[in-house]
Amino acid sequence: MNTLSIPPIDTSAVEAAFARQRILAKVPGSLGKLEALSVRIAGMVGSVTPSMKDKCVVLFAADHKIVNHGLSRTGADVTHIQTRNFVQGGGTINAFTRNAGARLRVVDVGVNYDFGDLPGLTSRKVMWGAEDFSEGPAMTRDQALACLQVGIDMAREEKNAGLDIIAAGEMGVGNTTPSAAIVSVLTGASVEEVTGRGSGIDNEGIRRKIQLIKKGIALNKPNPDDALDVLAKVGGPEIAAMAGLMLGAASLRVPVVIDGYIAGAAAGIAKGLYPEVVNYLIGSHNSAEPGHRLIMNHLGLESYLDLGLCLGEGTGAALFFPMIEASTRVLSELRTLPELNIPV
């Protein structure tokens, strides 16, 4: 992974945006959290009138061999079936990105399937699925670094296409399992606290999932002070690429919207690698997965929506895109009280 430099927030833009909010043609503070959000974004992009019109979700797909223990309601082949479906426009994330006026890019970073030359799929395959981390490391450090670089490269490519704001999505049957392992290690929370039902497994499935995560952590001994070690030992290719996308976007002053649990775990890795990345992260929704609030607290970020979502794919982030754009349009498009000859 190439060395990155993440710029500091533009405090002068923050101050100017805050001052402008106070004189816009509306009651000060009447838009609640959206006002503070628009000011944050102004500092990210370095403009008092930011534009969030060019929106993108980059969805990374990969498999996890730990699912062979029966940790999902579906078989591992659903990863490649759904990945193809996303490329062809038939998934929930497709509907949500179309609704938001955002583009979707689908990237194979580690699916255990040969797509051949599938039109519309970006092939950056680093490995053929993460190894079973209950039996050994999920990836080597070199593989983890390579997957991080895929995400960084995607951020740079999308920025060259005119990007204003981005989110990382994912597809990988069983990927709440490595996410729970990552969140447990990074936050110090128990495995029980951070492990949910994922695709809807029953109580026996939850018990088995917790046991395997505990076994994997005990066996691999990931170092919570070394995010790359955590990522390689109990993570996965798509989680690494998502973290890389966040880092790459932040280095370019592009705001990043965090989706749900898997995206939160990836953001935790990104923070461990470059703590200043959190200045460019925006929470979207509270996932129904129990560990999501713990990782968002670890990141120091709030979520704005609470809809009971737990699908992944980047769906919560895509739903929040229009609200983010609306918040910045207020800064950019409203007339001011002085312009209307109304006393401030």
Protein backbone atom coordinates (compact mmCIF):
# COMPACT_ATOMS: atom_id res chain seq x y z
CA MET A 1 0.00 0.00 0.00
CA ASN A 2 1.36 3.38 -0.98
CA THR A 3 1.97 5.94 1.77
CA LEU A 4 -0.96 8.31 2.12
CA SER A 5 -1.27 11.86 3.38
CA ILE A 6 -4.65 12.86 4.78
CA PRO A 7 -5.03 16.66 4.90
CA PRO A 8 -6.40 18.42 7.97
CA ILE A 9 -9.91 19.83 7.97
CA ASP A 10 -10.09 23.37 6.56
CA THR A 11 -10.98 25.30 9.71
CA SER A 12 -11.45 28.57 7.83
CA ALA A 13 -14.13 26.92 5.67
CA VAL A 14 -15.78 25.53 8.82
CA GLU A 15 -15.88 28.98 10.40
CA ALA A 16 -17.20 30.63 7.23
CA ALA A 17 -19.87 27.94 6.75
CA PHE A 18 -20.99 28.26 10.37
CA ALA A 19 -21.22 32.05 10.01
CA ARG A 20 -23.17 31.69 6.77
CA GLN A 21 -25.63 29.28 8.42
CA ARG A 22 -26.43 32.01 10.94
CA ILE A 23 -27.52 34.51 8.27
CA LEU A 24 -29.37 32.25 5.82
CA ALA A 25 -33.04 32.99 5.14
CA LYS A 26 -34.41 30.58 7.74
CA VAL A 27 -34.62 30.34 11.50
CA PRO A 28 -31.08 29.65 12.81
CA GLY A 29 -30.78 26.05 13.93
CA SER A 30 -34.13 25.09 12.42
CA LEU A 31 -32.59 22.32 10.30
CA GLY A 32 -31.05 20.66 13.33
CA LYS A 33 -28.32 18.12 12.67
CA LEU A 34 -28.32 18.85 8.96
CA GLU A 35 -26.85 22.29 9.62
CA ALA A 36 -23.92 20.89 11.60
CA LEU A 37 -23.44 18.22 8.94
CA SER A 38 -23.18 20.79 6.16
CA VAL A 39 -20.59 22.73 8.18
CA ARG A 40 -18.54 19.54 8.67
CA ILE A 41 -18.65 18.86 4.94
CA ALA A 42 -17.53 22.42 4.18
CA GLY A 43 -14.43 21.75 6.26
CA MET A 44 -13.81 18.44 4.51
CA VAL A 45 -13.90 19.83 0.99
CA GLY A 46 -12.52 23.27 1.82
CA SER A 47 -15.47 25.30 0.51
CA VAL A 48 -18.19 27.34 2.20
CA THR A 49 -20.60 26.27 -0.55
CA PRO A 50 -19.87 22.55 -1.08
CA SER A 51 -21.57 20.53 -3.81
CA MET A 52 -22.46 16.88 -3.30
CA LYS A 53 -24.01 16.22 -6.70
CA ASP A 54 -21.60 13.52 -7.96
CA LYS A 55 -22.28 10.54 -5.71
CA CYS A 56 -20.91 7.01 -5.94
CA VAL A 57 -21.07 3.68 -4.12
CA VAL A 58 -18.17 1.32 -4.75
CA LEU A 59 -19.24 -2.20 -3.83
CA PHE A 60 -16.49 -4.75 -3.14
CA ALA A 61 -17.26 -8.47 -3.32
CA ALA A 62 -15.40 -11.35 -1.69
CA ASP A 63 -15.95 -14.76 -0.11
CA HIS A 64 -15.14 -16.11 3.35
CA LYS A 65 -14.31 -19.77 3.82
CA ILE A 66 -15.39 -19.66 7.46
CA VAL A 67 -19.01 -19.83 6.20
CA ASN A 68 -18.40 -23.51 5.47
CA HIS A 69 -19.23 -24.02 9.16
CA GLY A 70 -22.83 -23.10 8.43
CA LEU A 71 -22.79 -19.48 9.57
CA SER A 72 -25.24 -18.17 6.99
CA ARG A 73 -28.76 -19.00 5.87
CA THR A 74 -27.48 -19.06 2.31
CA GLY A 75 -24.67 -20.90 0.58
CA ALA A 76 -21.43 -19.23 -0.41
CA ASP A 77 -22.49 -19.29 -4.07
CA VAL A 78 -24.89 -16.42 -3.31
CA THR A 79 -21.87 -14.11 -3.26
CA HIS A 80 -21.16 -14.58 -6.96
CA ILE A 81 -24.85 -14.79 -7.88
CA GLN A 82 -25.61 -11.47 -6.20
CA THR A 83 -22.43 -9.85 -7.49
CA ARG A 84 -23.57 -10.64 -11.04
CA ASN A 85 -27.04 -9.36 -10.14
CA PHE A 86 -25.61 -6.03 -8.96
CA VAL A 87 -23.63 -5.65 -12.17
CA GLN A 88 -26.84 -6.28 -14.13
CA GLY A 89 -28.86 -3.78 -12.09
CA GLY A 90 -31.22 -6.06 -10.16
CA GLY A 91 -30.27 -5.58 -6.51
CA THR A 92 -31.45 -3.38 -3.65
CA ILE A 93 -28.30 -1.27 -3.90
CA ASN A 94 -29.09 -0.68 -7.57
CA ALA A 95 -32.56 0.60 -6.70
CA PHE A 96 -31.21 2.83 -3.94
CA THR A 97 -28.37 4.31 -5.98
CA ARG A 98 -30.76 5.01 -8.85
CA ASN A 99 -33.07 6.71 -6.36
CA ALA A 100 -30.18 8.83 -5.06
CA GLY A 101 -28.88 9.73 -8.51
CA ALA A 102 -25.63 7.96 -7.66
CA ARG A 103 -23.51 5.63 -9.73
CA LEU A 104 -22.57 2.13 -8.61
CA ARG A 105 -19.27 0.41 -9.27
CA VAL A 106 -18.95 -3.31 -8.50
CA VAL A 107 -15.46 -4.67 -7.82
CA ASP A 108 -14.41 -8.32 -7.47
CA VAL A 109 -11.58 -8.25 -4.94
CA GLY A 110 -11.87 -11.80 -3.62
CA VAL A 111 -14.82 -13.83 -4.89
CA ASN A 112 -14.21 -17.57 -5.06
CA TYR A 113 -15.60 -17.72 -8.59
CA ASP A 114 -14.39 -17.03 -12.10
CA PHE A 115 -16.66 -14.41 -13.68
CA GLY A 116 -14.71 -14.49 -16.92
CA ASP A 117 -15.07 -11.25 -18.85
CA LEU A 118 -18.33 -10.07 -17.25
CA PRO A 119 -19.30 -6.69 -18.73
CA GLY A 120 -19.63 -4.02 -16.08
CA LEU A 121 -17.61 -5.83 -13.40
CA THR A 122 -14.31 -4.32 -12.28
CA SER A 123 -11.95 -7.24 -11.69
CA ARG A 124 -9.25 -6.59 -9.08
CA LYS A 125 -9.15 -10.09 -7.59
CA VAL A 126 -6.40 -10.44 -5.00
CA MET A 127 -7.39 -13.90 -3.74
CA TRP A 128 -10.10 -16.53 -4.12
CA GLY A 129 -11.83 -15.86 -0.82
CA ALA A 130 -10.53 -15.27 2.69
CA GLU A 131 -9.22 -18.32 4.49
CA ASP A 132 -11.09 -19.78 7.46
CA PHE A 133 -9.76 -17.62 10.31
CA SER A 134 -10.90 -20.19 12.89
CA GLU A 135 -8.09 -22.37 11.50
CA GLY A 136 -5.45 -19.72 10.73
CA PRO A 137 -5.07 -16.17 9.36
CA ALA A 138 -7.73 -14.97 6.92
CA MET A 139 -5.05 -13.34 4.75
CA THR A 140 -1.35 -12.68 4.68
CA ARG A 141 -0.23 -9.14 5.43
CA ASP A 142 0.76 -8.76 1.78
CA GLN A 143 -2.72 -9.82 0.65
CA ALA A 144 -4.31 -7.40 3.10
CA LEU A 145 -2.11 -4.59 1.82
CA ALA A 146 -2.97 -5.48 -1.77
CA CYS A 147 -6.71 -5.33 -0.99
CA LEU A 148 -6.28 -1.98 0.77
CA GLN A 149 -4.54 -0.69 -2.34
CA VAL A 150 -7.48 -1.80 -4.50
CA GLY A 151 -9.74 0.45 -2.46
CA ILE A 152 -7.31 3.37 -2.62
CA ASP A 153 -7.07 2.96 -6.39
CA MET A 154 -10.88 2.94 -6.74
CA ALA A 155 -11.14 6.20 -4.80
CA ARG A 156 -8.57 7.81 -7.08
CA GLU A 157 -10.27 6.54 -10.23
CA GLU A 158 -13.68 7.77 -9.10
CA LYS A 159 -12.23 11.15 -8.13
CA ASN A 160 -10.86 11.47 -11.63
CA ALA A 161 -14.45 10.96 -12.85
CA GLY A 162 -15.58 14.05 -10.91
CA LEU A 163 -16.48 12.59 -7.53
CA ASP A 164 -18.01 14.72 -4.74
CA ILE A 165 -18.97 12.07 -2.15
CA ILE A 166 -18.53 8.30 -1.87
CA ALA A 167 -19.58 5.24 0.12
CA ALA A 168 -18.20 1.71 0.36
CA GLY A 169 -20.57 -1.21 -0.12
CA GLU A 170 -19.94 -4.94 0.08
CA MET A 171 -21.15 -8.38 -0.90
CA GLY A 172 -19.80 -11.43 0.85
CA VAL A 173 -21.80 -14.25 2.38
CA GLY A 174 -20.80 -14.54 6.04
CA ASN A 175 -18.95 -11.25 6.29
CA THR A 176 -20.64 -10.23 9.54
CA THR A 177 -18.43 -12.93 11.13
CA PRO A 178 -15.06 -11.27 10.36
CA SER A 179 -16.67 -7.90 11.07
CA ALA A 180 -17.67 -9.05 14.55
CA ALA A 181 -14.14 -10.34 15.15
CA ILE A 182 -12.65 -6.99 14.06
CA VAL A 183 -15.05 -4.97 16.21
CA SER A 184 -14.43 -7.16 19.25
CA VAL A 185 -10.65 -6.79 18.92
CA LEU A 186 -10.68 -3.04 18.21
CA THR A 187 -13.20 -2.04 20.87
CA GLY A 188 -12.41 -4.60 23.54
CA ALA A 189 -16.07 -5.65 23.65
CA SER A 190 -16.90 -9.30 24.16
CA VAL A 191 -17.65 -11.47 21.15
CA GLU A 192 -21.15 -11.99 22.51
CA GLU A 193 -21.78 -8.23 22.52
CA VAL A 194 -20.82 -7.73 18.88
CA THR A 195 -22.21 -10.86 17.22
CA GLY A 196 -25.63 -10.75 15.57
CA ARG A 197 -27.75 -12.90 13.32
CA GLY A 198 -26.29 -11.69 10.02
CA SER A 199 -28.43 -13.24 7.31
CA GLY A 200 -30.95 -14.43 9.92
CA ILE A 201 -29.37 -17.51 11.51
CA ASP A 202 -31.08 -19.24 14.44
CA ASN A 203 -29.93 -19.47 18.06
CA GLU A 204 -27.77 -22.52 17.37
CA GLY A 205 -26.14 -20.67 14.49
CA ILE A 206 -25.39 -17.69 16.76
CA ARG A 207 -23.83 -20.01 19.33
CA ARG A 208 -21.62 -21.63 16.68
CA LYS A 209 -20.70 -18.24 15.22
CA ILE A 210 -19.60 -16.92 18.63
CA GLN A 211 -17.54 -20.04 19.30
CA LEU A 212 -15.74 -19.81 15.97
CA ILE A 213 -14.97 -16.10 16.37
CA LYS A 214 -13.58 -16.74 19.85
CA LYS A 215 -11.53 -19.63 18.52
CA GLY A 216 -10.15 -17.50 15.68
CA ILE A 217 -9.19 -14.63 17.97
CA ALA A 218 -7.53 -16.96 20.47
CA LEU A 219 -5.65 -18.80 17.72
CA ASN A 220 -4.49 -15.81 15.68
CA LYS A 221 -3.99 -13.33 18.54
CA PRO A 222 -4.62 -10.18 16.47
CA ASN A 223 -2.92 -7.13 17.96
CA PRO A 224 -5.49 -4.36 18.57
CA ASP A 225 -2.70 -1.77 18.30
CA ASP A 226 -1.82 -2.99 14.80
CA ALA A 227 -4.84 -2.56 12.52
CA LEU A 228 -3.12 -4.32 9.63
CA ASP A 229 -2.51 -7.33 11.86
CA VAL A 230 -6.19 -7.40 12.84
CA LEU A 231 -7.28 -7.06 9.23
CA ALA A 232 -5.01 -9.82 7.97
CA LYS A 233 -5.75 -12.29 10.75
CA VAL A 234 -9.54 -12.02 11.12
CA GLY A 235 -10.73 -9.74 8.30
CA GLY A 236 -11.42 -10.24 4.62
CA PRO A 237 -10.65 -8.88 1.16
CA GLU A 238 -13.73 -6.69 0.78
CA ILE A 239 -13.36 -5.25 4.28
CA ALA A 240 -9.76 -4.34 3.44
CA ALA A 241 -10.76 -2.75 0.14
CA MET A 242 -13.52 -0.75 1.87
CA ALA A 243 -10.98 0.57 4.37
CA GLY A 244 -8.68 1.45 1.48
CA LEU A 245 -11.48 3.33 -0.29
CA MET A 246 -12.09 5.37 2.85
CA LEU A 247 -8.41 6.22 3.19
CA GLY A 248 -8.03 7.05 -0.49
CA ALA A 249 -11.10 9.29 -0.48
CA ALA A 250 -9.99 11.11 2.68
CA SER A 251 -6.60 11.79 1.14
CA LEU A 252 -8.45 13.55 -1.69
CA ARG A 253 -10.77 15.56 0.58
CA VAL A 254 -13.77 13.48 -0.48
CA PRO A 255 -16.39 12.85 2.24
CA VAL A 256 -17.10 9.17 2.92
CA VAL A 257 -20.50 7.91 4.09
CA ILE A 258 -20.36 4.85 6.36
CA ASP A 259 -23.09 2.28 5.73
CA GLY A 260 -23.70 -0.37 8.39
CA TYR A 261 -21.83 -2.98 10.39
CA ILE A 262 -19.33 -4.23 7.82
CA ALA A 263 -18.56 -0.67 6.70
CA GLY A 264 -18.15 0.28 10.36
CA ALA A 265 -15.63 -2.52 10.86
CA ALA A 266 -13.75 -1.34 7.77
CA ALA A 267 -13.77 2.21 9.11
CA GLY A 268 -12.32 0.90 12.36
CA ILE A 269 -9.44 -0.60 10.40
CA ALA A 270 -8.99 2.64 8.45
CA LYS A 271 -8.88 4.61 11.71
CA GLY A 272 -6.30 2.22 13.12
CA LEU A 273 -4.09 2.81 10.10
CA TYR A 274 -4.62 6.59 9.78
CA PRO A 275 -6.54 8.07 12.76
CA GLU A 276 -7.17 11.35 10.94
CA VAL A 277 -9.45 9.55 8.45
CA VAL A 278 -12.37 9.95 10.89
CA ASN A 279 -12.52 13.66 10.03
CA TYR A 280 -13.84 12.64 6.59
CA LEU A 281 -16.31 9.95 7.71
CA ILE A 282 -20.07 10.48 7.99
CA GLY A 283 -22.38 7.97 9.67
CA SER A 284 -25.62 7.12 7.88
CA HIS A 285 -27.86 4.69 9.80
CA ASN A 286 -27.97 2.54 12.91
CA SER A 287 -27.61 -1.07 11.82
CA ALA A 288 -29.70 -3.73 13.52
CA GLU A 289 -26.46 -5.66 14.11
CA PRO A 290 -25.65 -5.32 17.83
CA GLY A 291 -22.01 -4.33 17.41
CA HIS A 292 -22.68 -1.40 15.12
CA ARG A 293 -23.19 1.21 17.82
CA LEU A 294 -20.02 0.02 19.55
CA ILE A 295 -17.87 0.54 16.47
CA MET A 296 -19.51 3.91 15.73
CA ASN A 297 -18.75 5.00 19.31
CA HIS A 298 -15.18 3.82 18.76
CA LEU A 299 -15.04 6.02 15.67
CA GLY A 300 -16.64 8.96 17.47
CA LEU A 301 -19.37 9.22 14.82
CA GLU A 302 -23.13 9.54 15.01
CA SER A 303 -25.68 7.90 12.75
CA TYR A 304 -28.63 9.91 11.45
CA LEU A 305 -31.18 7.30 10.42
CA ASP A 306 -32.70 4.43 12.40
CA LEU A 307 -34.74 2.23 10.10
CA GLY A 308 -33.89 -1.26 11.33
CA LEU A 309 -31.68 -1.90 8.29
CA CYS A 310 -29.10 -4.69 8.25
CA LEU A 311 -28.73 -5.53 4.56
CA GLY A 312 -25.32 -4.07 3.82
CA GLU A 313 -24.34 -3.49 0.18
CA GLY A 314 -24.03 0.25 0.93
CA THR A 315 -27.81 0.58 1.04
CA GLY A 316 -28.03 2.78 4.15
CA ALA A 317 -25.38 5.13 2.80
CA ALA A 318 -27.18 5.40 -0.54
CA LEU A 319 -30.43 6.22 1.27
CA PHE A 320 -28.67 9.03 3.14
CA PHE A 321 -27.02 10.56 0.06
CA PRO A 322 -30.02 12.78 -0.85
CA MET A 323 -30.23 14.17 2.69
CA ILE A 324 -26.53 15.03 2.62
CA GLU A 325 -26.93 16.76 -0.73
CA ALA A 326 -29.95 18.65 0.60
CA SER A 327 -27.94 19.88 3.60
CA THR A 328 -25.20 21.29 1.38
CA ARG A 329 -27.71 22.83 -1.05
CA VAL A 330 -28.94 24.91 1.86
CA LEU A 331 -25.47 26.39 2.29
CA SER A 332 -25.03 26.91 -1.43
CA GLU A 333 -28.45 27.98 -2.64
CA LEU A 334 -30.33 29.85 0.09
CA ARG A 335 -30.34 33.64 0.03
CA THR A 336 -29.10 35.43 3.10
CA LEU A 337 -31.01 37.73 5.44
CA PRO A 338 -28.97 40.78 4.35
CA GLU A 339 -29.80 40.01 0.70
CA LEU A 340 -33.48 40.11 1.63
CA ASN A 341 -33.06 43.27 3.73
CA ILE A 342 -34.09 41.37 6.85
CA PRO A 343 -32.26 42.40 10.03
CA VAL A 344 -29.84 39.78 11.30
